[in-house]
Amino acid sequence: MCSLRFIDLFAGIGGFRLGFERLGFECVYSCEIDEKAANVYESNFGESPLGDITKIRGPELPDFEILLAGFSCQPFSAAGERRGFSDKERGTLFSDILRIVKAKQPKVIVLENVKNLLTIDKGNSFKLIKELLEKENYTVTYKVLNAKDFGVAQNRERLIIVGTLKGIDNFNFNNFHKMDSIKLKDILKKMEKWSIYRQMIIL
């Protein structure tokens, strides 16, 4: 049986891809406009995702079942100017995701952004995203998750939006099992112990 295929848009250094590959899924396309991030991604996965999403022609993409996109968060972040979709440079990038969705109709869409997307512009920006996906025949579920609840030593809240094509079982966030929180010092201690053990082997 073939593994499910996914594309990795706004790929960054590959966090989304790492998680999905660990589940046995196959990445068939990646895209990232930032050259430095793309270089790290290439170092991590052996392929360069360097490219501009606005130049992607949906029909030319390989077939895939899952679309991943941590699209630009600056227009929605509480730390920025919070211009939302009125940010002409980055606020309209969701339209490029939607264009690809319309062309390929993936079974599942997974989007990630700052939690402020829920409230900016009195919630109208998020409402528009949800309505546009529903118009394309997707059931949309969403939740704010924190990285510290899933084995990461970082207090980082992010909005996760999941769209499932009608006819497919809806995604249920309640199936997620939280992990015990860890601290950076715990990770550093493990690294220190491993470093000592490795030196013993070399000696």
Protein backbone atom coordinates (compact mmCIF):
# COMPACT_ATOMS: atom_id res chain seq x y z
CA MET A 1 0.00 0.00 0.00
CA CYS A 2 1.39 3.42 -0.98
CA SER A 3 1.94 5.99 1.75
CA LEU A 4 -0.05 9.19 1.65
CA ARG A 5 1.68 11.98 -0.25
CA PHE A 6 1.94 15.58 0.89
CA ILE A 7 3.26 18.93 -0.31
CA ASP A 8 5.11 21.27 2.04
CA LEU A 9 4.31 24.94 1.33
CA PHE A 10 5.95 27.81 3.26
CA ALA A 11 8.26 24.99 4.28
CA GLY A 12 10.67 26.95 6.49
CA ILE A 13 13.36 24.57 7.71
CA GLY A 14 11.05 21.56 7.61
CA GLY A 15 9.20 21.21 10.91
CA PHE A 16 5.94 20.15 9.28
CA ARG A 17 7.70 17.73 6.99
CA LEU A 18 9.64 16.08 9.81
CA GLY A 19 6.45 15.26 11.68
CA PHE A 20 4.60 13.87 8.68
CA GLU A 21 7.56 11.81 7.46
CA ARG A 22 7.85 10.24 10.89
CA LEU A 23 4.27 9.08 10.40
CA GLY A 24 5.32 7.37 7.16
CA PHE A 25 3.97 9.94 4.70
CA GLU A 26 5.87 10.95 1.56
CA CYS A 27 6.80 14.51 0.62
CA VAL A 28 6.44 15.04 -3.14
CA TYR A 29 6.92 18.82 -3.34
CA SER A 30 8.23 21.64 -1.14
CA CYS A 31 8.37 25.42 -1.48
CA GLU A 32 10.05 28.18 0.55
CA ILE A 33 10.95 31.68 -0.63
CA ASP A 34 13.48 32.53 2.09
CA GLU A 35 16.92 31.49 0.84
CA LYS A 36 18.48 30.95 4.28
CA ALA A 37 15.59 28.78 5.45
CA ALA A 38 15.71 26.86 2.17
CA ASN A 39 19.42 26.17 2.69
CA VAL A 40 18.76 24.67 6.13
CA TYR A 41 15.87 22.65 4.67
CA GLU A 42 18.19 21.28 1.99
CA SER A 43 20.71 20.33 4.65
CA ASN A 44 17.97 18.55 6.62
CA PHE A 45 16.26 16.71 3.76
CA GLY A 46 18.65 16.69 0.79
CA GLU A 47 16.45 18.80 -1.48
CA SER A 48 16.05 22.53 -2.02
CA PRO A 49 12.53 23.94 -1.58
CA LEU A 50 13.58 27.36 -2.88
CA GLY A 51 10.68 28.86 -4.79
CA ASP A 52 7.89 31.43 -4.80
CA ILE A 53 4.37 30.14 -4.08
CA THR A 54 2.86 32.91 -6.18
CA LYS A 55 4.57 31.38 -9.23
CA ILE A 56 3.26 27.84 -8.67
CA ARG A 57 0.83 26.54 -11.27
CA GLY A 58 -1.44 24.12 -9.42
CA PRO A 59 -2.09 21.70 -12.29
CA GLU A 60 1.67 21.21 -12.74
CA LEU A 61 2.16 19.93 -9.19
CA PRO A 62 2.52 16.18 -8.62
CA ASP A 63 -0.54 14.41 -7.21
CA PHE A 64 -0.86 14.48 -3.42
CA GLU A 65 -3.42 13.80 -0.71
CA ILE A 66 -2.35 16.30 1.97
CA LEU A 67 -1.47 19.99 1.73
CA LEU A 68 0.66 21.47 4.52
CA ALA A 69 1.15 25.23 4.84
CA GLY A 70 2.44 27.33 7.72
CA PHE A 71 1.57 30.47 5.80
CA SER A 72 3.03 33.88 6.64
CA CYS A 73 2.01 34.91 10.15
CA GLN A 74 3.41 38.46 10.27
CA PRO A 75 0.19 40.17 9.09
CA PHE A 76 -1.74 38.48 11.92
CA SER A 77 0.83 38.43 14.73
CA ALA A 78 0.29 40.42 17.91
CA ALA A 79 3.95 41.44 17.63
CA GLY A 80 3.45 43.05 14.21
CA GLU A 81 1.27 45.74 12.70
CA ARG A 82 -1.71 43.36 12.57
CA ARG A 83 -2.80 44.45 9.12
CA GLY A 84 -4.26 41.04 8.26
CA PHE A 85 -5.41 40.64 4.67
CA SER A 86 -4.81 44.35 4.06
CA ASP A 87 -1.07 43.56 4.05
CA LYS A 88 -0.65 43.44 0.28
CA GLU A 89 2.76 41.73 0.43
CA ARG A 90 2.03 38.84 2.80
CA GLY A 91 -1.59 39.06 3.87
CA THR A 92 -2.89 37.72 0.56
CA LEU A 93 -0.74 34.57 0.44
CA PHE A 94 -3.68 32.47 1.59
CA SER A 95 -5.20 33.10 -1.85
CA ASP A 96 -2.28 31.16 -3.36
CA ILE A 97 -3.01 28.23 -1.06
CA LEU A 98 -6.65 28.39 -2.10
CA ARG A 99 -5.67 28.47 -5.77
CA ILE A 100 -3.71 25.23 -5.33
CA VAL A 101 -6.56 23.68 -3.33
CA LYS A 102 -8.98 24.44 -6.15
CA ALA A 103 -6.64 22.92 -8.74
CA LYS A 104 -5.76 19.71 -6.86
CA GLN A 105 -8.56 19.11 -4.32
CA PRO A 106 -6.39 17.37 -1.68
CA LYS A 107 -8.17 15.14 0.79
CA VAL A 108 -6.73 16.99 3.77
CA ILE A 109 -5.44 20.52 4.35
CA VAL A 110 -3.36 21.39 7.43
CA LEU A 111 -2.63 25.08 8.03
CA GLU A 112 -0.65 26.70 10.85
CA ASN A 113 -0.57 30.32 12.00
CA VAL A 114 -0.46 32.51 15.10
CA LYS A 115 -3.45 32.29 17.45
CA ASN A 116 -4.10 36.01 16.86
CA LEU A 117 -5.54 35.06 13.47
CA LEU A 118 -8.72 34.11 15.36
CA THR A 119 -9.29 37.64 16.67
CA ILE A 120 -7.64 40.09 14.27
CA ASP A 121 -10.04 42.30 12.35
CA LYS A 122 -12.77 41.27 14.83
CA GLY A 123 -12.40 37.67 13.65
CA ASN A 124 -13.30 38.49 10.05
CA SER A 125 -9.98 37.31 8.57
CA PHE A 126 -10.35 33.85 10.08
CA LYS A 127 -14.04 33.75 9.21
CA LEU A 128 -13.15 34.44 5.57
CA ILE A 129 -10.52 31.67 5.49
CA LYS A 130 -13.01 29.21 6.97
CA GLU A 131 -15.78 30.21 4.57
CA LEU A 132 -13.52 29.97 1.51
CA LEU A 133 -12.42 26.45 2.45
CA GLU A 134 -15.98 25.39 3.16
CA LYS A 135 -16.98 26.73 -0.24
CA GLU A 136 -14.46 24.29 -1.74
CA ASN A 137 -16.28 21.40 -0.02
CA TYR A 138 -14.10 21.09 3.10
CA THR A 139 -15.15 20.59 6.70
CA VAL A 140 -13.00 22.88 8.83
CA THR A 141 -11.89 22.23 12.41
CA TYR A 142 -9.36 24.27 14.36
CA LYS A 143 -7.69 24.62 17.73
CA VAL A 144 -4.89 26.55 19.42
CA LEU A 145 -2.17 24.11 20.51
CA ASN A 146 0.95 24.71 22.56
CA ALA A 147 4.27 23.08 21.67
CA LYS A 148 5.07 22.52 25.36
CA ASP A 149 2.22 19.99 25.56
CA PHE A 150 3.82 17.77 22.91
CA GLY A 151 7.37 17.15 24.07
CA VAL A 152 8.96 20.45 23.01
CA ALA A 153 10.82 22.67 25.46
CA GLN A 154 9.10 25.80 24.21
CA ASN A 155 5.99 27.71 25.23
CA ARG A 156 4.72 28.34 21.69
CA GLU A 157 1.01 28.61 20.92
CA ARG A 158 -0.13 28.16 17.35
CA LEU A 159 -3.49 27.93 15.61
CA ILE A 160 -3.88 24.68 13.69
CA ILE A 161 -6.58 24.57 11.01
CA VAL A 162 -7.56 21.23 9.47
CA GLY A 163 -9.78 20.94 6.42
CA THR A 164 -11.10 17.54 5.37
CA LEU A 165 -12.80 16.98 2.05
CA LYS A 166 -16.48 16.16 2.43
CA GLY A 167 -16.96 12.39 2.56
CA ILE A 168 -13.83 11.89 4.68
CA ASP A 169 -14.05 11.44 8.45
CA ASN A 170 -13.75 14.80 10.18
CA PHE A 171 -10.55 15.50 12.09
CA ASN A 172 -10.88 15.33 15.88
CA PHE A 173 -8.40 17.28 18.01
CA ASN A 174 -9.56 15.29 21.04
CA ASN A 175 -7.55 12.34 19.73
CA PHE A 176 -4.35 14.21 20.57
CA HIS A 177 -2.62 12.99 23.72
CA LYS A 178 -0.64 15.61 25.60
CA MET A 179 2.82 14.76 26.87
CA ASP A 180 4.55 15.72 30.09
CA SER A 181 6.25 19.08 29.73
CA ILE A 182 10.04 19.14 29.52
CA LYS A 183 12.55 21.90 30.13
CA LEU A 184 15.57 22.92 28.11
CA LYS A 185 17.87 21.95 30.97
CA ASP A 186 16.55 18.36 30.76
CA ILE A 187 17.50 18.20 27.08
CA LEU A 188 20.93 19.69 27.73
CA LYS A 189 21.57 17.16 30.49
CA LYS A 190 20.78 14.30 28.09
CA MET A 191 23.09 15.84 25.48
CA GLU A 192 25.84 16.16 28.07
CA LYS A 193 25.47 12.51 29.11
CA TRP A 194 25.53 11.39 25.48
CA SER A 195 28.63 13.50 24.81
CA ILE A 196 30.45 11.86 27.73
CA TYR A 197 29.33 8.39 26.60
CA ARG A 198 30.50 9.06 23.03
CA GLN A 199 33.90 10.19 24.26
CA MET A 200 34.22 6.95 26.26
CA ILE A 201 33.50 4.92 23.11
CA ILE A 202 36.08 6.86 21.09
CA LEU A 203 38.69 6.38 23.81
